[in-house]
Amino acid sequence: MESTAGQLAVAQVTLNRVKSKHYPNSVCEVVYEGAHTINGFPKRDRCQFSWYCDGKGDEPKNKGKLWNTSHSLAKYVLTRQRDLIDITDGATHYYATYIDAPRWARQKRITTSIDQHIFFR
């Protein structure tokens, strides 16, 4: 589980992409960007965010405390996004430190590191 700062930073990457001319203009379009099958499902490992195209179902099995916390934080970010300070310094990319660095990381500038993620623009 990431800290609140880590979760906010991941959300901020999505918002930064929405603001960028290089990405779609809405949160949903940014999240769903990538290759999809004829049936509309995301192709595994062929999208912008691994948690969207990891092959796992998107409906949580246990909507307990972690789900409620995440849901509340997402709602807060979406309703207060104009008031948020960008703790990622404009990052449009990130990856988890427990995986090998993606190819694109060499072409980007590191903006910060929070919990288990490195953020880039």
N, C-alpha and C. Protein backbone atom coordinates (compact mmCIF):
# COMPACT_ATOMS: atom_id res chain seq x y z
N MET A 1 0.84 -1.18 0.00
CA MET A 1 0.00 0.00 0.00
C MET A 1 0.88 1.24 0.00
N GLU A 2 0.60 2.14 -0.91
CA GLU A 2 1.33 3.40 -0.98
C GLU A 2 0.79 4.38 0.07
N SER A 3 1.63 5.31 0.45
CA SER A 3 1.19 6.36 1.36
C SER A 3 0.17 7.26 0.65
N THR A 4 -0.46 8.13 1.40
CA THR A 4 -1.39 9.08 0.79
C THR A 4 -0.65 9.93 -0.25
N ALA A 5 0.56 10.36 0.07
CA ALA A 5 1.36 11.14 -0.88
C ALA A 5 1.61 10.35 -2.16
N GLY A 6 1.93 9.07 -2.02
CA GLY A 6 2.17 8.23 -3.19
C GLY A 6 0.92 8.07 -4.04
N GLN A 7 -0.20 7.88 -3.41
CA GLN A 7 -1.46 7.76 -4.14
C GLN A 7 -1.82 9.08 -4.83
N LEU A 8 -1.62 10.19 -4.14
CA LEU A 8 -1.88 11.50 -4.75
C LEU A 8 -0.96 11.73 -5.95
N ALA A 9 0.28 11.31 -5.84
CA ALA A 9 1.23 11.50 -6.93
C ALA A 9 0.82 10.71 -8.17
N VAL A 10 0.36 9.49 -7.98
CA VAL A 10 -0.11 8.69 -9.12
C VAL A 10 -1.33 9.36 -9.76
N ALA A 11 -2.24 9.85 -8.95
CA ALA A 11 -3.40 10.57 -9.47
C ALA A 11 -2.96 11.82 -10.22
N GLN A 12 -1.95 12.50 -9.70
CA GLN A 12 -1.48 13.72 -10.34
C GLN A 12 -0.91 13.46 -11.72
N VAL A 13 -0.28 12.32 -11.92
CA VAL A 13 0.23 11.97 -13.25
C VAL A 13 -0.93 11.94 -14.25
N THR A 14 -2.04 11.35 -13.85
CA THR A 14 -3.21 11.30 -14.73
C THR A 14 -3.70 12.71 -15.03
N LEU A 15 -3.81 13.55 -14.01
CA LEU A 15 -4.26 14.93 -14.22
C LEU A 15 -3.28 15.70 -15.10
N ASN A 16 -1.99 15.47 -14.92
CA ASN A 16 -0.99 16.15 -15.76
C ASN A 16 -1.11 15.73 -17.21
N ARG A 17 -1.46 14.49 -17.44
CA ARG A 17 -1.67 14.04 -18.82
C ARG A 17 -2.90 14.69 -19.42
N VAL A 18 -3.96 14.82 -18.64
CA VAL A 18 -5.17 15.48 -19.14
C VAL A 18 -4.84 16.92 -19.57
N LYS A 19 -3.98 17.59 -18.82
CA LYS A 19 -3.61 18.97 -19.13
C LYS A 19 -2.68 19.07 -20.34
N SER A 20 -1.99 18.00 -20.67
CA SER A 20 -1.01 18.01 -21.75
C SER A 20 -1.67 17.86 -23.12
N LYS A 21 -1.11 18.53 -24.10
CA LYS A 21 -1.62 18.41 -25.47
C LYS A 21 -1.26 17.05 -26.10
N HIS A 22 -0.39 16.29 -25.45
CA HIS A 22 0.06 15.01 -25.99
C HIS A 22 -0.81 13.82 -25.57
N TYR A 23 -1.82 14.08 -24.76
CA TYR A 23 -2.68 13.01 -24.25
C TYR A 23 -4.14 13.40 -24.39
N PRO A 24 -5.04 12.44 -24.20
CA PRO A 24 -6.47 12.77 -24.28
C PRO A 24 -6.89 13.83 -23.25
N ASN A 25 -8.10 14.33 -23.40
CA ASN A 25 -8.57 15.47 -22.63
C ASN A 25 -9.42 15.15 -21.41
N SER A 26 -9.55 13.89 -21.04
CA SER A 26 -10.32 13.55 -19.85
C SER A 26 -9.61 12.45 -19.07
N VAL A 27 -9.93 12.35 -17.79
CA VAL A 27 -9.33 11.32 -16.96
C VAL A 27 -9.62 9.94 -17.53
N CYS A 28 -10.86 9.68 -17.87
CA CYS A 28 -11.21 8.35 -18.40
C CYS A 28 -10.46 8.04 -19.68
N GLU A 29 -10.38 9.01 -20.60
CA GLU A 29 -9.67 8.77 -21.86
C GLU A 29 -8.18 8.52 -21.62
N VAL A 30 -7.60 9.21 -20.67
CA VAL A 30 -6.18 8.99 -20.35
C VAL A 30 -6.00 7.58 -19.80
N VAL A 31 -6.84 7.18 -18.85
CA VAL A 31 -6.71 5.86 -18.24
C VAL A 31 -6.92 4.75 -19.27
N TYR A 32 -7.91 4.91 -20.14
CA TYR A 32 -8.25 3.86 -21.09
C TYR A 32 -7.40 3.89 -22.37
N GLU A 33 -6.49 4.84 -22.48
CA GLU A 33 -5.67 4.94 -23.69
C GLU A 33 -4.82 3.69 -23.87
N GLY A 34 -4.79 3.18 -25.08
CA GLY A 34 -3.98 2.01 -25.38
C GLY A 34 -4.73 1.04 -26.28
N ALA A 35 -4.07 -0.03 -26.62
CA ALA A 35 -4.64 -1.03 -27.52
C ALA A 35 -5.74 -1.83 -26.82
N HIS A 36 -6.83 -2.10 -27.56
CA HIS A 36 -7.95 -2.88 -27.05
C HIS A 36 -8.30 -4.00 -28.03
N THR A 37 -8.91 -5.05 -27.52
CA THR A 37 -9.35 -6.16 -28.38
C THR A 37 -10.63 -5.76 -29.11
N ILE A 38 -11.06 -6.59 -30.01
CA ILE A 38 -12.31 -6.36 -30.74
C ILE A 38 -13.48 -6.27 -29.76
N ASN A 39 -13.41 -7.01 -28.66
CA ASN A 39 -14.47 -6.99 -27.65
C ASN A 39 -14.39 -5.78 -26.72
N GLY A 40 -13.39 -4.94 -26.88
CA GLY A 40 -13.28 -3.73 -26.08
C GLY A 40 -12.42 -3.84 -24.83
N PHE A 41 -11.87 -5.03 -24.59
CA PHE A 41 -11.02 -5.21 -23.42
C PHE A 41 -9.61 -4.71 -23.73
N PRO A 42 -8.92 -4.17 -22.73
CA PRO A 42 -7.55 -3.72 -22.98
C PRO A 42 -6.64 -4.91 -23.24
N LYS A 43 -5.73 -4.75 -24.20
CA LYS A 43 -4.75 -5.80 -24.46
C LYS A 43 -3.74 -5.79 -23.33
N ARG A 44 -3.48 -6.97 -22.82
CA ARG A 44 -2.58 -7.10 -21.67
C ARG A 44 -1.23 -6.43 -21.94
N ASP A 45 -0.81 -5.60 -20.99
CA ASP A 45 0.48 -4.91 -21.03
C ASP A 45 0.65 -4.00 -22.25
N ARG A 46 -0.44 -3.51 -22.81
CA ARG A 46 -0.36 -2.64 -24.00
C ARG A 46 -1.10 -1.33 -23.76
N CYS A 47 -1.11 -0.87 -22.52
CA CYS A 47 -1.81 0.38 -22.22
C CYS A 47 -0.91 1.30 -21.42
N GLN A 48 -1.42 2.44 -21.07
CA GLN A 48 -0.62 3.45 -20.37
C GLN A 48 -0.39 3.12 -18.90
N PHE A 49 -1.37 2.49 -18.27
CA PHE A 49 -1.28 2.18 -16.84
C PHE A 49 -1.44 0.68 -16.65
N SER A 50 -0.42 0.04 -16.08
CA SER A 50 -0.41 -1.42 -15.97
C SER A 50 -1.60 -1.95 -15.19
N TRP A 51 -2.10 -1.21 -14.22
CA TRP A 51 -3.23 -1.68 -13.42
C TRP A 51 -4.52 -1.71 -14.23
N TYR A 52 -4.55 -1.05 -15.38
CA TYR A 52 -5.74 -1.11 -16.24
C TYR A 52 -5.69 -2.32 -17.15
N CYS A 53 -4.51 -2.71 -17.60
CA CYS A 53 -4.43 -3.81 -18.57
C CYS A 53 -3.61 -4.98 -18.02
N ASP A 54 -3.80 -5.28 -16.74
CA ASP A 54 -3.05 -6.37 -16.12
C ASP A 54 -3.75 -7.73 -16.25
N GLY A 55 -4.91 -7.74 -16.89
CA GLY A 55 -5.65 -8.99 -17.07
C GLY A 55 -6.52 -9.36 -15.89
N LYS A 56 -6.48 -8.56 -14.84
CA LYS A 56 -7.31 -8.82 -13.66
C LYS A 56 -8.61 -8.02 -13.78
N GLY A 57 -9.64 -8.49 -13.15
CA GLY A 57 -10.91 -7.77 -13.15
C GLY A 57 -10.79 -6.44 -12.44
N ASP A 58 -11.59 -5.49 -12.85
CA ASP A 58 -11.53 -4.16 -12.25
C ASP A 58 -12.47 -3.99 -11.07
N GLU A 59 -13.35 -4.93 -10.86
CA GLU A 59 -14.28 -4.87 -9.73
C GLU A 59 -13.60 -5.50 -8.51
N PRO A 60 -13.39 -4.72 -7.44
CA PRO A 60 -12.72 -5.28 -6.26
C PRO A 60 -13.55 -6.38 -5.61
N LYS A 61 -12.86 -7.40 -5.11
CA LYS A 61 -13.54 -8.52 -4.46
C LYS A 61 -13.95 -8.16 -3.03
N ASN A 62 -13.17 -7.29 -2.41
CA ASN A 62 -13.45 -6.92 -1.03
C ASN A 62 -13.41 -5.39 -0.93
N LYS A 63 -14.56 -4.80 -0.78
CA LYS A 63 -14.62 -3.34 -0.68
C LYS A 63 -14.51 -2.94 0.79
N GLY A 64 -13.35 -3.20 1.35
CA GLY A 64 -13.10 -2.89 2.75
C GLY A 64 -12.48 -1.53 2.93
N LYS A 65 -11.68 -1.40 3.99
CA LYS A 65 -11.09 -0.12 4.35
C LYS A 65 -10.20 0.46 3.24
N LEU A 66 -9.36 -0.38 2.63
CA LEU A 66 -8.47 0.12 1.58
C LEU A 66 -9.27 0.65 0.39
N TRP A 67 -10.31 -0.06 0.01
CA TRP A 67 -11.18 0.38 -1.09
C TRP A 67 -11.82 1.73 -0.74
N ASN A 68 -12.35 1.82 0.45
CA ASN A 68 -13.01 3.07 0.86
C ASN A 68 -12.04 4.24 0.89
N THR A 69 -10.83 3.99 1.37
CA THR A 69 -9.81 5.04 1.41
C THR A 69 -9.44 5.48 0.00
N SER A 70 -9.21 4.52 -0.89
CA SER A 70 -8.85 4.84 -2.27
C SER A 70 -9.98 5.58 -2.97
N HIS A 71 -11.19 5.13 -2.76
CA HIS A 71 -12.36 5.75 -3.38
C HIS A 71 -12.50 7.20 -2.90
N SER A 72 -12.34 7.41 -1.61
CA SER A 72 -12.44 8.77 -1.05
C SER A 72 -11.34 9.67 -1.60
N LEU A 73 -10.14 9.14 -1.71
CA LEU A 73 -9.03 9.93 -2.23
C LEU A 73 -9.26 10.30 -3.70
N ALA A 74 -9.74 9.35 -4.49
CA ALA A 74 -10.02 9.62 -5.90
C ALA A 74 -11.10 10.70 -6.03
N LYS A 75 -12.12 10.59 -5.25
CA LYS A 75 -13.19 11.59 -5.27
C LYS A 75 -12.64 12.97 -4.89
N TYR A 76 -11.81 13.01 -3.87
CA TYR A 76 -11.20 14.26 -3.44
C TYR A 76 -10.36 14.87 -4.56
N VAL A 77 -9.54 14.06 -5.19
CA VAL A 77 -8.67 14.55 -6.27
C VAL A 77 -9.51 15.10 -7.42
N LEU A 78 -10.55 14.39 -7.81
CA LEU A 78 -11.36 14.84 -8.94
C LEU A 78 -12.15 16.11 -8.63
N THR A 79 -12.60 16.25 -7.40
CA THR A 79 -13.40 17.42 -7.07
C THR A 79 -12.55 18.63 -6.65
N ARG A 80 -11.31 18.40 -6.25
CA ARG A 80 -10.46 19.49 -5.76
C ARG A 80 -9.19 19.66 -6.59
N GLN A 81 -9.18 19.13 -7.81
CA GLN A 81 -7.94 19.12 -8.58
C GLN A 81 -7.34 20.50 -8.81
N ARG A 82 -8.13 21.54 -8.89
CA ARG A 82 -7.60 22.89 -9.10
C ARG A 82 -6.88 23.41 -7.86
N ASP A 83 -7.20 22.86 -6.70
CA ASP A 83 -6.61 23.31 -5.44
C ASP A 83 -5.36 22.52 -5.05
N LEU A 84 -5.09 21.42 -5.74
CA LEU A 84 -3.99 20.54 -5.35
C LEU A 84 -2.64 21.10 -5.78
N ILE A 85 -1.66 20.93 -4.93
CA ILE A 85 -0.28 21.23 -5.29
C ILE A 85 0.28 20.00 -5.98
N ASP A 86 0.94 20.19 -7.11
CA ASP A 86 1.49 19.07 -7.86
C ASP A 86 2.82 18.64 -7.23
N ILE A 87 2.75 17.62 -6.39
CA ILE A 87 3.95 17.13 -5.72
C ILE A 87 4.87 16.34 -6.64
N THR A 88 4.44 16.13 -7.90
CA THR A 88 5.27 15.42 -8.87
C THR A 88 6.06 16.37 -9.76
N ASP A 89 5.84 17.66 -9.62
CA ASP A 89 6.51 18.67 -10.43
C ASP A 89 6.27 18.44 -11.92
N GLY A 90 5.01 18.17 -12.27
CA GLY A 90 4.63 18.05 -13.68
C GLY A 90 4.84 16.68 -14.30
N ALA A 91 5.02 15.66 -13.50
CA ALA A 91 5.28 14.32 -14.05
C ALA A 91 4.11 13.82 -14.89
N THR A 92 4.44 13.20 -16.01
CA THR A 92 3.44 12.54 -16.86
C THR A 92 3.68 11.04 -16.95
N HIS A 93 4.72 10.57 -16.27
CA HIS A 93 5.07 9.15 -16.29
C HIS A 93 5.56 8.73 -14.90
N TYR A 94 5.44 7.46 -14.62
CA TYR A 94 6.02 6.90 -13.39
C TYR A 94 6.17 5.40 -13.58
N TYR A 95 7.00 4.82 -12.77
CA TYR A 95 7.07 3.36 -12.71
C TYR A 95 7.48 2.94 -11.31
N ALA A 96 7.16 1.71 -10.99
CA ALA A 96 7.46 1.16 -9.67
C ALA A 96 8.91 0.69 -9.63
N THR A 97 9.58 0.94 -8.51
CA THR A 97 10.99 0.60 -8.39
C THR A 97 11.24 -0.90 -8.32
N TYR A 98 10.19 -1.69 -8.11
CA TYR A 98 10.38 -3.14 -8.03
C TYR A 98 10.35 -3.82 -9.39
N ILE A 99 10.27 -3.04 -10.47
CA ILE A 99 10.38 -3.58 -11.82
C ILE A 99 11.59 -2.93 -12.50
N ASP A 100 12.04 -3.53 -13.60
CA ASP A 100 13.13 -2.93 -14.37
C ASP A 100 12.64 -1.62 -14.98
N ALA A 101 13.53 -0.66 -15.12
CA ALA A 101 13.17 0.62 -15.70
C ALA A 101 12.68 0.43 -17.14
N PRO A 102 11.55 1.03 -17.49
CA PRO A 102 11.06 0.96 -18.87
C PRO A 102 12.00 1.68 -19.83
N ARG A 103 11.91 1.34 -21.10
CA ARG A 103 12.77 1.98 -22.11
C ARG A 103 12.59 3.49 -22.13
N TRP A 104 11.36 3.96 -21.98
CA TRP A 104 11.09 5.39 -22.06
C TRP A 104 11.76 6.19 -20.94
N ALA A 105 12.13 5.55 -19.84
CA ALA A 105 12.69 6.26 -18.69
C ALA A 105 14.00 6.97 -19.03
N ARG A 106 14.76 6.44 -19.96
CA ARG A 106 16.02 7.07 -20.34
C ARG A 106 15.82 8.40 -21.05
N GLN A 107 14.65 8.58 -21.64
CA GLN A 107 14.38 9.78 -22.42
C GLN A 107 13.65 10.85 -21.61
N LYS A 108 13.35 10.58 -20.36
CA LYS A 108 12.60 11.50 -19.50
C LYS A 108 13.48 12.00 -18.37
N ARG A 109 13.03 13.08 -17.73
CA ARG A 109 13.73 13.64 -16.59
C ARG A 109 13.01 13.25 -15.30
N ILE A 110 13.74 12.75 -14.33
CA ILE A 110 13.15 12.40 -13.04
C ILE A 110 12.73 13.69 -12.34
N THR A 111 11.49 13.69 -11.84
CA THR A 111 11.01 14.85 -11.10
C THR A 111 10.99 14.58 -9.59
N THR A 112 10.71 13.35 -9.20
CA THR A 112 10.69 13.00 -7.78
C THR A 112 10.58 11.49 -7.62
N SER A 113 10.77 11.05 -6.41
CA SER A 113 10.57 9.65 -6.04
C SER A 113 9.74 9.64 -4.76
N ILE A 114 8.65 8.89 -4.79
CA ILE A 114 7.76 8.81 -3.64
C ILE A 114 7.41 7.35 -3.42
N ASP A 115 7.63 6.87 -2.21
CA ASP A 115 7.39 5.47 -1.87
C ASP A 115 8.13 4.58 -2.86
N GLN A 116 7.41 3.71 -3.54
CA GLN A 116 8.04 2.76 -4.47
C GLN A 116 7.92 3.19 -5.93
N HIS A 117 7.74 4.49 -6.19
CA HIS A 117 7.59 4.96 -7.56
C HIS A 117 8.56 6.10 -7.86
N ILE A 118 9.03 6.11 -9.09
CA ILE A 118 9.85 7.21 -9.61
C ILE A 118 9.01 7.93 -10.66
N PHE A 119 8.99 9.25 -10.57
CA PHE A 119 8.15 10.06 -11.44
C PHE A 119 9.01 10.85 -12.43
N PHE A 120 8.49 11.00 -13.65
CA PHE A 120 9.24 11.62 -14.76
C PHE A 120 8.36 12.58 -15.53
N ARG A 121 9.04 13.48 -16.25
CA ARG A 121 8.36 14.28 -17.28
C ARG A 121 9.29 14.43 -18.47
